[in-house]
C-alpha atoms as a PDB file:
ATOM      1  CA  MET A   1       3.525  13.006 -48.583  1.00  0.00           C
ATOM      2  CA  ALA A   2       1.773  13.092 -45.202  1.00  0.00           C
ATOM      3  CA  ILE A   3       3.607  13.826 -41.985  1.00  0.00           C
ATOM      4  CA  GLU A   4       1.801  14.409 -38.700  1.00  0.00           C
ATOM      5  CA  SER A   5       4.501  16.629 -37.322  1.00  0.00           C
ATOM      6  CA  ASN A   6       4.600  18.437 -33.981  1.00  0.00           C
ATOM      7  CA  ASP A   7       6.402  21.430 -32.646  1.00  0.00           C
ATOM      8  CA  SER A   8       9.861  20.443 -31.380  1.00  0.00           C
ATOM      9  CA  ASN A   9       8.964  21.700 -27.913  1.00  0.00           C
ATOM     10  CA  VAL A  10       6.040  19.254 -27.591  1.00  0.00           C
ATOM     11  CA  GLU A  11       6.862  15.928 -25.938  1.00  0.00           C
ATOM     12  CA  VAL A  12       5.416  13.087 -28.006  1.00  0.00           C
ATOM     13  CA  VAL A  13       7.463  10.080 -26.843  1.00  0.00           C
ATOM     14  CA  SER A  14       5.033   7.245 -26.142  1.00  0.00           C
ATOM     15  CA  GLY A  15       5.002   5.137 -22.991  1.00  0.00           C
ATOM     16  CA  ILE A  16       3.181   4.721 -19.709  1.00  0.00           C
ATOM     17  CA  GLN A  17       3.385   7.826 -17.561  1.00  0.00           C
ATOM     18  CA  LEU A  18       4.233   6.999 -13.968  1.00  0.00           C
ATOM     19  CA  TYR A  19       3.411   9.066 -10.885  1.00  0.00           C
ATOM     20  CA  SER A  20       4.896   9.572  -7.458  1.00  0.00           C
ATOM     21  CA  GLY A  21       3.815  11.190  -4.221  1.00  0.00           C
ATOM     22  CA  LEU A  22       0.734  11.491  -2.049  1.00  0.00           C
ATOM     23  CA  THR A  23      -2.613  11.606  -3.793  1.00  0.00           C
ATOM     24  CA  ASN A  24      -6.318  10.954  -3.202  1.00  0.00           C
ATOM     25  CA  LEU A  25      -7.727   7.909  -4.979  1.00  0.00           C
ATOM     26  CA  SER A  26     -11.200   6.425  -5.366  1.00  0.00           C
ATOM     27  CA  VAL A  27     -11.912   2.696  -5.250  1.00  0.00           C
ATOM     28  CA  ALA A  28     -12.911   1.684  -8.774  1.00  0.00           C
ATOM     29  CA  ALA A  29     -13.260  -2.081  -8.260  1.00  0.00           C
ATOM     30  CA  VAL A  30     -12.537  -4.977  -5.914  1.00  0.00           C
ATOM     31  CA  ASN A  31     -11.189  -8.191  -7.490  1.00  0.00           C
ATOM     32  CA  PRO A  32     -12.718  -7.402 -10.888  1.00  0.00           C
ATOM     33  CA  THR A  33     -13.063  -9.728 -13.851  1.00  0.00           C
ATOM     34  CA  MET A  34     -11.109  -9.233 -17.068  1.00  0.00           C
ATOM     35  CA  GLU A  35     -14.156  -7.570 -18.638  1.00  0.00           C
ATOM     36  CA  GLN A  36     -14.458  -5.174 -15.712  1.00  0.00           C
ATOM     37  CA  LEU A  37     -10.764  -4.356 -15.937  1.00  0.00           C
ATOM     38  CA  HIS A  38     -11.135  -3.540 -19.621  1.00  0.00           C
ATOM     39  CA  ALA A  39     -13.936  -1.140 -18.693  1.00  0.00           C
ATOM     40  CA  LEU A  40     -11.411   0.591 -16.426  1.00  0.00           C
ATOM     41  CA  ASP A  41      -9.007   0.772 -19.392  1.00  0.00           C
ATOM     42  CA  VAL A  42      -6.694  -1.756 -17.742  1.00  0.00           C
ATOM     43  CA  LYS A  43      -5.362  -3.876 -20.587  1.00  0.00           C
ATOM     44  CA  VAL A  44      -5.111  -7.488 -19.438  1.00  0.00           C
ATOM     45  CA  LYS A  45      -5.153 -10.496 -21.767  1.00  0.00           C
ATOM     46  CA  GLN A  46      -6.621 -13.106 -19.432  1.00  0.00           C
ATOM     47  CA  GLU A  47      -8.831 -13.480 -16.400  1.00  0.00           C
ATOM     48  CA  PRO A  48      -7.008 -12.371 -13.249  1.00  0.00           C
ATOM     49  CA  VAL A  49      -5.985 -15.092 -10.801  1.00  0.00           C
ATOM     50  CA  TYR A  50      -6.572 -14.213  -7.168  1.00  0.00           C
ATOM     51  CA  PHE A  51      -4.956 -17.230  -5.538  1.00  0.00           C
ATOM     52  CA  VAL A  52      -1.195 -17.581  -5.365  1.00  0.00           C
ATOM     53  CA  GLU A  53       1.203 -20.022  -3.709  1.00  0.00           C
ATOM     54  CA  ILE A  54       4.200 -18.577  -1.865  1.00  0.00           C
ATOM     55  CA  ASN A  55       6.741 -20.895  -0.244  1.00  0.00           C
ATOM     56  CA  GLY A  56       4.227 -23.726  -0.239  1.00  0.00           C
ATOM     57  CA  THR A  57       1.423 -21.671   1.340  1.00  0.00           C
ATOM     58  CA  GLU A  58      -1.660 -20.572  -0.565  1.00  0.00           C
ATOM     59  CA  TYR A  59      -2.756 -16.952  -0.264  1.00  0.00           C
ATOM     60  CA  PHE A  60      -5.806 -15.104  -1.518  1.00  0.00           C
ATOM     61  CA  LYS A  61      -5.279 -11.671  -3.042  1.00  0.00           C
ATOM     62  CA  VAL A  62      -7.764  -8.928  -2.222  1.00  0.00           C
ATOM     63  CA  ILE A  63      -7.066  -6.289  -4.846  1.00  0.00           C
ATOM     64  CA  PHE A  64      -8.490  -2.773  -4.787  1.00  0.00           C
ATOM     65  CA  TRP A  65      -8.172  -0.916  -8.063  1.00  0.00           C
ATOM     66  CA  LEU A  66      -7.711   2.747  -7.210  1.00  0.00           C
ATOM     67  CA  SER A  67      -7.983   5.668  -9.595  1.00  0.00           C
ATOM     68  CA  ASN A  68      -7.855   9.407 -10.076  1.00  0.00           C
ATOM     69  CA  ASP A  69      -7.851  11.512 -13.233  1.00  0.00           C
ATOM     70  CA  ASP A  70      -4.301  10.460 -14.050  1.00  0.00           C
ATOM     71  CA  LEU A  71      -4.047   6.742 -13.445  1.00  0.00           C
ATOM     72  CA  THR A  72      -5.531   3.471 -12.250  1.00  0.00           C
ATOM     73  CA  VAL A  73      -3.379   1.422  -9.896  1.00  0.00           C
ATOM     74  CA  ARG A  74      -3.882  -1.568  -7.646  1.00  0.00           C
ATOM     75  CA  ALA A  75      -3.407  -2.062  -3.912  1.00  0.00           C
ATOM     76  CA  GLU A  76      -2.918  -5.758  -3.165  1.00  0.00           C
ATOM     77  CA  PHE A  77      -3.521  -7.484   0.173  1.00  0.00           C
ATOM     78  CA  LEU A  78      -2.312 -11.055   0.676  1.00  0.00           C
ATOM     79  CA  MET A  79      -4.739 -12.951   2.921  1.00  0.00           C
ATOM     80  CA  ASN A  80      -4.465 -16.366   4.525  1.00  0.00           C
ATOM     81  CA  ASP A  81      -6.687 -18.345   6.895  1.00  0.00           C
ATOM     82  CA  SER A  82      -3.834 -18.932   9.342  1.00  0.00           C
ATOM     83  CA  HIS A  83      -3.310 -16.626  12.332  1.00  0.00           C
ATOM     84  CA  LEU A  84      -0.323 -14.338  11.950  1.00  0.00           C
ATOM     85  CA  THR A  85       2.661 -14.793  14.279  1.00  0.00           C
ATOM     86  CA  ASN A  86       5.956 -12.962  14.603  1.00  0.00           C
ATOM     87  CA  LYS A  87       9.222 -14.326  13.243  1.00  0.00           C
ATOM     88  CA  ASN A  88      10.020 -16.106  16.498  1.00  0.00           C
ATOM     89  CA  GLY A  89       6.575 -17.685  16.570  1.00  0.00           C
ATOM     90  CA  ASP A  90       6.027 -16.747  20.212  1.00  0.00           C
ATOM     91  CA  LYS A  91       3.537 -13.909  19.686  1.00  0.00           C
ATOM     92  CA  ASN A  92       0.319 -13.510  17.735  1.00  0.00           C
ATOM     93  CA  GLN A  93      -0.995 -10.406  16.081  1.00  0.00           C
ATOM     94  CA  TRP A  94      -4.286  -9.371  17.685  1.00  0.00           C
ATOM     95  CA  VAL A  95      -7.109  -7.156  16.446  1.00  0.00           C
ATOM     96  CA  ASN A  96     -10.329  -5.888  17.996  1.00  0.00           C
ATOM     97  CA  ASN A  97     -13.619  -4.324  16.909  1.00  0.00           C
ATOM     98  CA  ILE A  98     -12.327  -0.758  16.664  1.00  0.00           C
ATOM     99  CA  GLY A  99      -9.409  -1.382  14.346  1.00  0.00           C
ATOM    100  CA  GLN A 100      -6.616  -1.633  16.895  1.00  0.00           C
ATOM    101  CA  ASP A 101      -3.887  -4.215  16.451  1.00  0.00           C
ATOM    102  CA  THR A 102      -0.936  -5.321  18.550  1.00  0.00           C
ATOM    103  CA  TRP A 103       1.383  -8.261  19.262  1.00  0.00           C
ATOM    104  CA  SER A 104       1.089 -10.417  22.371  1.00  0.00           C
ATOM    105  CA  ASP A 105       1.571 -14.004  23.514  1.00  0.00           C
ATOM    106  CA  ILE A 106      -1.852 -13.926  25.243  1.00  0.00           C
ATOM    107  CA  GLU A 107      -5.015 -11.856  24.977  1.00  0.00           C
ATOM    108  CA  PRO A 108      -3.860  -8.220  25.274  1.00  0.00           C
ATOM    109  CA  SER A 109      -6.633  -7.524  27.794  1.00  0.00           C
ATOM    110  CA  LYS A 110      -5.101 -10.127  30.113  1.00  0.00           C
ATOM    111  CA  ALA A 111      -1.470  -9.104  29.743  1.00  0.00           C
ATOM    112  CA  ILE A 112       0.071  -7.323  32.705  1.00  0.00           C
ATOM    113  CA  ASN A 113       3.395  -5.615  33.217  1.00  0.00           C
ATOM    114  CA  ALA A 114       5.990  -7.992  34.559  1.00  0.00           C
ATOM    115  CA  GLU A 115       8.498  -6.767  37.096  1.00  0.00           C
ATOM    116  CA  GLY A 116      11.175  -4.793  35.306  1.00  0.00           C
ATOM    117  CA  ASP A 117       8.853  -3.502  32.596  1.00  0.00           C
ATOM    118  CA  LYS A 118       7.588   0.045  32.620  1.00  0.00           C
ATOM    119  CA  GLY A 119       4.842   0.493  35.159  1.00  0.00           C
ATOM    120  CA  THR A 120       4.103  -1.311  38.388  1.00  0.00           C
ATOM    121  CA  THR A 121       3.772  -5.075  38.431  1.00  0.00           C
ATOM    122  CA  GLY A 122       0.112  -5.991  38.064  1.00  0.00           C
ATOM    123  CA  GLU A 123      -0.865  -2.999  35.910  1.00  0.00           C
ATOM    124  CA  PRO A 124      -2.359  -3.676  32.460  1.00  0.00           C
ATOM    125  CA  LYS A 125       0.425  -3.935  29.906  1.00  0.00           C
ATOM    126  CA  TYR A 126      -1.846  -2.662  27.131  1.00  0.00           C
ATOM    127  CA  SER A 127      -3.757   0.040  28.978  1.00  0.00           C
ATOM    128  CA  TRP A 128      -4.794   1.635  25.675  1.00  0.00           C
ATOM    129  CA  TRP A 129      -6.239  -1.596  24.319  1.00  0.00           C
ATOM    130  CA  LYS A 130     -10.014  -2.068  24.045  1.00  0.00           C
ATOM    131  CA  PRO A 131     -11.029  -5.692  24.674  1.00  0.00           C
ATOM    132  CA  GLU A 132     -14.202  -5.599  22.522  1.00  0.00           C
ATOM    133  CA  GLY A 133     -13.918  -8.404  19.991  1.00  0.00           C
ATOM    134  CA  GLU A 134     -10.244  -9.086  20.630  1.00  0.00           C
ATOM    135  CA  ARG A 135      -9.078 -12.026  18.537  1.00  0.00           C
ATOM    136  CA  LYS A 136      -6.047 -13.425  16.805  1.00  0.00           C
ATOM    137  CA  ALA A 137      -5.634 -11.755  13.437  1.00  0.00           C
ATOM    138  CA  TYR A 138      -5.597 -13.671  10.185  1.00  0.00           C
ATOM    139  CA  SER A 139      -2.615 -13.089   7.950  1.00  0.00           C
ATOM    140  CA  GLY A 140      -3.235  -9.788   6.153  1.00  0.00           C
ATOM    141  CA  GLU A 141      -6.300  -8.862   8.222  1.00  0.00           C
ATOM    142  CA  ALA A 142      -4.820  -5.954  10.190  1.00  0.00           C
ATOM    143  CA  ARG A 143      -3.465  -4.237   7.072  1.00  0.00           C
ATOM    144  CA  LEU A 144      -6.797  -4.630   5.290  1.00  0.00           C
ATOM    145  CA  ILE A 145      -8.599  -3.106   8.268  1.00  0.00           C
ATOM    146  CA  LYS A 146      -6.233  -0.111   8.266  1.00  0.00           C
ATOM    147  CA  PHE A 147      -7.058   0.498   4.618  1.00  0.00           C
ATOM    148  CA  ILE A 148     -10.805   0.285   5.281  1.00  0.00           C
ATOM    149  CA  GLN A 149     -10.429   2.639   8.263  1.00  0.00           C
ATOM    150  CA  ALA A 150      -8.834   5.296   6.074  1.00  0.00           C
ATOM    151  CA  TRP A 151     -11.152   4.760   3.102  1.00  0.00           C
ATOM    152  CA  GLY A 152     -14.272   4.721   5.275  1.00  0.00           C
ATOM    153  CA  ASN A 153     -13.007   7.660   7.365  1.00  0.00           C
ATOM    154  CA  VAL A 154     -13.834   5.691  10.522  1.00  0.00           C
ATOM    155  CA  ALA A 155     -13.451   7.892  13.604  1.00  0.00           C
ATOM    156  CA  SER A 156     -11.073   6.890  16.368  1.00  0.00           C
ATOM    157  CA  GLY A 157     -12.921   4.346  18.487  1.00  0.00           C
ATOM    158  CA  GLY A 158     -15.470   3.708  15.738  1.00  0.00           C
ATOM    159  CA  GLN A 159     -16.401   0.137  14.962  1.00  0.00           C
ATOM    160  CA  ILE A 160     -14.915  -1.688  12.026  1.00  0.00           C
ATOM    161  CA  VAL A 161     -15.860  -5.352  11.962  1.00  0.00           C
ATOM    162  CA  PHE A 162     -16.263  -7.764   9.059  1.00  0.00           C
ATOM    163  CA  ASP A 163     -18.907 -10.424   9.662  1.00  0.00           C
ATOM    164  CA  THR A 164     -17.366 -12.738   7.085  1.00  0.00           C
ATOM    165  CA  MET A 165     -13.597 -12.432   7.673  1.00  0.00           C
ATOM    166  CA  PRO A 166     -13.131 -16.249   7.795  1.00  0.00           C
ATOM    167  CA  ALA A 167     -14.723 -16.365   4.329  1.00  0.00           C
ATOM    168  CA  ILE A 168     -12.833 -13.322   3.031  1.00  0.00           C
ATOM    169  CA  VAL A 169      -9.416 -14.867   3.689  1.00  0.00           C
ATOM    170  CA  LYS A 170     -10.550 -17.891   1.666  1.00  0.00           C
ATOM    171  CA  GLY A 171     -11.733 -15.921  -1.364  1.00  0.00           C
ATOM    172  CA  ASP A 172     -15.208 -14.474  -0.736  1.00  0.00           C
ATOM    173  CA  VAL A 173     -15.098 -10.679  -1.173  1.00  0.00           C
ATOM    174  CA  THR A 174     -18.870 -10.120  -1.210  1.00  0.00           C
ATOM    175  CA  GLU A 175     -18.808  -8.082   1.993  1.00  0.00           C
ATOM    176  CA  ILE A 176     -15.901  -5.949   0.792  1.00  0.00           C
ATOM    177  CA  ARG A 177     -17.518  -5.293  -2.577  1.00  0.00           C
ATOM    178  CA  ALA A 178     -20.607  -4.018  -0.774  1.00  0.00           C
ATOM    179  CA  LEU A 179     -18.440  -1.197   0.564  1.00  0.00           C
ATOM    180  CA  SER A 180     -17.788  -0.017  -2.977  1.00  0.00           C
ATOM    181  CA  THR A 181     -21.433   1.043  -3.068  1.00  0.00           C
ATOM    182  CA  SER A 182     -21.773   2.449   0.434  1.00  0.00           C
ATOM    183  CA  LEU A 183     -18.432   4.289   0.180  1.00  0.00           C
ATOM    184  CA  SER A 184     -18.690   5.250  -3.487  1.00  0.00           C
ATOM    185  CA  SER A 185     -18.076   8.944  -2.742  1.00  0.00           C
ATOM    186  CA  ASN A 186     -15.144   8.291  -0.409  1.00  0.00           C
ATOM    187  CA  GLN A 187     -11.454   8.407  -1.242  1.00  0.00           C
ATOM    188  CA  VAL A 188      -8.278   7.202   0.417  1.00  0.00           C
ATOM    189  CA  ARG A 189      -4.908   8.966   0.473  1.00  0.00           C
ATOM    190  CA  VAL A 190      -1.965   6.845  -0.609  1.00  0.00           C
ATOM    191  CA  LEU A 191       1.692   7.214  -1.464  1.00  0.00           C
ATOM    192  CA  LEU A 192       2.688   6.217  -4.971  1.00  0.00           C
ATOM    193  CA  GLY A 193       6.099   5.161  -6.185  1.00  0.00           C
ATOM    194  CA  THR A 194       7.660   3.348  -9.120  1.00  0.00           C
ATOM    195  CA  LYS A 195       9.685   0.191  -9.610  1.00  0.00           C
ATOM    196  CA  GLU A 196      12.292  -0.349 -12.302  1.00  0.00           C
ATOM    197  CA  ASN A 197      11.034   2.879 -13.832  1.00  0.00           C
ATOM    198  CA  LYS A 198       8.098   1.067 -15.447  1.00  0.00           C
ATOM    199  CA  TYR A 199       5.783  -0.284 -12.725  1.00  0.00           C
ATOM    200  CA  GLN A 200       3.448   1.804 -10.591  1.00  0.00           C
ATOM    201  CA  GLN A 201       3.556   0.923  -6.868  1.00  0.00           C
ATOM    202  CA  VAL A 202       1.364   1.702  -3.844  1.00  0.00           C
ATOM    203  CA  TYR A 203       2.875   2.057  -0.363  1.00  0.00           C
ATOM    204  CA  MET A 204       1.086  -0.585   1.710  1.00  0.00           C
ATOM    205  CA  HIS A 205       2.281   0.244   5.236  1.00  0.00           C
ATOM    206  CA  TYR A 206       0.156   3.332   5.808  1.00  0.00           C
ATOM    207  CA  PHE A 207      -3.056   4.743   4.355  1.00  0.00           C
ATOM    208  CA  GLY A 208      -4.291   8.255   5.037  1.00  0.00           C
ATOM    209  CA  ARG A 209      -7.566  10.101   5.393  1.00  0.00           C
ATOM    210  CA  ILE A 210      -8.521  12.913   3.064  1.00  0.00           C
ATOM    211  CA  LYS A 211      -9.048  15.233   6.045  1.00  0.00           C
ATOM    212  CA  PRO A 212      -6.857  16.061   7.810  1.00  0.00           C
ATOM    213  CA  GLN A 213      -3.991  15.343   5.460  1.00  0.00           C
ATOM    214  CA  ARG A 214      -1.168  14.190   7.713  1.00  0.00           C
ATOM    215  CA  ASP A 215       2.012  13.841   5.698  1.00  0.00           C
ATOM    216  CA  ASP A 216       3.921  13.353   8.962  1.00  0.00           C
ATOM    217  CA  TYR A 217       2.205   9.999   9.540  1.00  0.00           C
ATOM    218  CA  PHE A 218       3.524   8.787   6.199  1.00  0.00           C
ATOM    219  CA  ARG A 219       7.018  10.061   7.009  1.00  0.00           C
ATOM    220  CA  THR A 220       6.966   8.270  10.372  1.00  0.00           C
ATOM    221  CA  ALA A 221       5.981   5.027   8.679  1.00  0.00           C
ATOM    222  CA  LEU A 222       8.632   5.402   5.986  1.00  0.00           C
ATOM    223  CA  ALA A 223      11.318   5.957   8.622  1.00  0.00           C
ATOM    224  CA  ASP A 224      10.519   2.606  10.253  1.00  0.00           C
ATOM    225  CA  ASP A 225      12.948  -0.125   9.170  1.00  0.00           C
ATOM    226  CA  TYR A 226      10.076  -2.603   9.012  1.00  0.00           C
ATOM    227  CA  ARG A 227       7.884  -0.347   6.876  1.00  0.00           C
ATOM    228  CA  ILE A 228      10.206   0.968   4.204  1.00  0.00           C
ATOM    229  CA  PHE A 229       8.897   1.583   0.697  1.00  0.00           C
ATOM    230  CA  LYS A 230      10.691  -0.731  -1.704  1.00  0.00           C
ATOM    231  CA  ALA A 231      10.127   1.581  -4.625  1.00  0.00           C
ATOM    232  CA  ASP A 232      11.394   4.875  -6.005  1.00  0.00           C
ATOM    233  CA  TYR A 233       9.447   7.951  -4.983  1.00  0.00           C
ATOM    234  CA  ASN A 234       9.777  11.684  -4.646  1.00  0.00           C
ATOM    235  CA  PRO A 235      11.279  12.266  -1.158  1.00  0.00           C
ATOM    236  CA  THR A 236       9.239  15.462  -0.793  1.00  0.00           C
ATOM    237  CA  LEU A 237       6.097  13.288  -1.163  1.00  0.00           C
ATOM    238  CA  GLU A 238       4.685  15.894  -3.530  1.00  0.00           C
ATOM    239  CA  TYR A 239       2.402  14.334  -6.134  1.00  0.00           C
ATOM    240  CA  GLY A 240       3.249  14.574  -9.793  1.00  0.00           C
ATOM    241  CA  GLU A 241       4.618  12.839 -12.852  1.00  0.00           C
ATOM    242  CA  TRP A 242       7.594  10.653 -12.037  1.00  0.00           C
ATOM    243  CA  VAL A 243      10.867  11.675 -13.639  1.00  0.00           C
ATOM    244  CA  GLN A 244      13.767   9.274 -13.274  1.00  0.00           C
ATOM    245  CA  PRO A 245      16.596  11.097 -11.469  1.00  0.00           C
ATOM    246  CA  VAL A 246      19.613  11.526 -13.701  1.00  0.00           C
ATOM    247  CA  GLU A 247      22.972  11.087 -12.015  1.00  0.00           C
ATOM    248  CA  SER A 248      25.585  13.534 -13.081  1.00  0.00           C
ATOM    249  CA  ILE A 249      27.872  11.992 -15.685  1.00  0.00           C
ATOM    250  CA  LYS A 250      31.461  13.098 -15.902  1.00  0.00           C
ATOM    251  CA  ALA A 251      33.116  12.932 -19.280  1.00  0.00           C
ATOM    252  CA  ASP A 252      36.175  10.727 -19.546  1.00  0.00           C
ATOM    253  CA  PRO A 253      39.285  12.878 -19.440  1.00  0.00           C
ATOM    254  CA  GLN A 254      40.811  13.317 -22.881  1.00  0.00           C
ATOM    255  CA  PRO A 255      44.532  12.842 -23.370  1.00  0.00           C
ATOM    256  CA  ALA A 256      46.483  16.015 -23.773  1.00  0.00           C
ATOM    257  CA  VAL A 257      47.324  16.930 -27.337  1.00  0.00           C
ATOM    258  CA  ALA A 258      50.869  17.909 -28.084  1.00  0.00           C
ATOM    259  CA  GLU A 259      51.300  21.387 -29.417  1.00  0.00           C
ATOM    260  CA  ASP A 260      53.058  20.074 -32.518  1.00  0.00           C
ATOM    261  CA  THR A 261      50.241  17.657 -33.414  1.00  0.00           C
ATOM    262  CA  ASP A 262      49.128  18.073 -37.014  1.00  0.00           C
ATOM    263  CA  TRP A 263      45.429  18.931 -37.395  1.00  0.00           C
ATOM    264  CA  VAL A 264      43.510  17.952 -40.444  1.00  0.00           C
END
């Protein structure tokens, strides 16, 4: 007889360990092949597909595989070569060369306060906006830039411009992959959560720098109705192994037993 037994106090139940909370991750790969994913110990059975159709529109997925000593997880950005508009279709999202983004029906540098708005009529509506390189943002562009800002630790006002953005949104990630070399020692701070207690998720509405670590920025983003995290996560944001919360279970009340009931 051969039994590979373990002490009863040692947890040996198999399964994928999930994590939750804020942690620092390195970029391991950008849109890797199946072979490259296997090298990262990501078990896939076919070549990844980076184009997807959603509601009749084709999108290109820019996927960063992020890792630390505990896990490897992906952050996925959906890109499209159309310019992003709001739900009403009356405003475009705009970006510039220093990573700012905003919504406006015209170039933000030309927008002025109308009578009744805050400020005096004729004053710039976006006084904080820098006009360098202002342009309508492609779908997914602003979020990608925010990730690169945090990963590259770009200082406030520092330039962040992709020369090939029109090609990136159509599937060419050459310029992004080049960053994997130049930023090989950099990390990005992200919030992890879980879905259905079996899928690891990355919060995609805010990305943090390693220094300083500003948990309050994440909390502000999470409190925004438009930037909620559709996943389960530790509300303290502390990083660690995810344990599914167990709701207290009340036993069904048992019928009273008559004193003269016979017991066997």
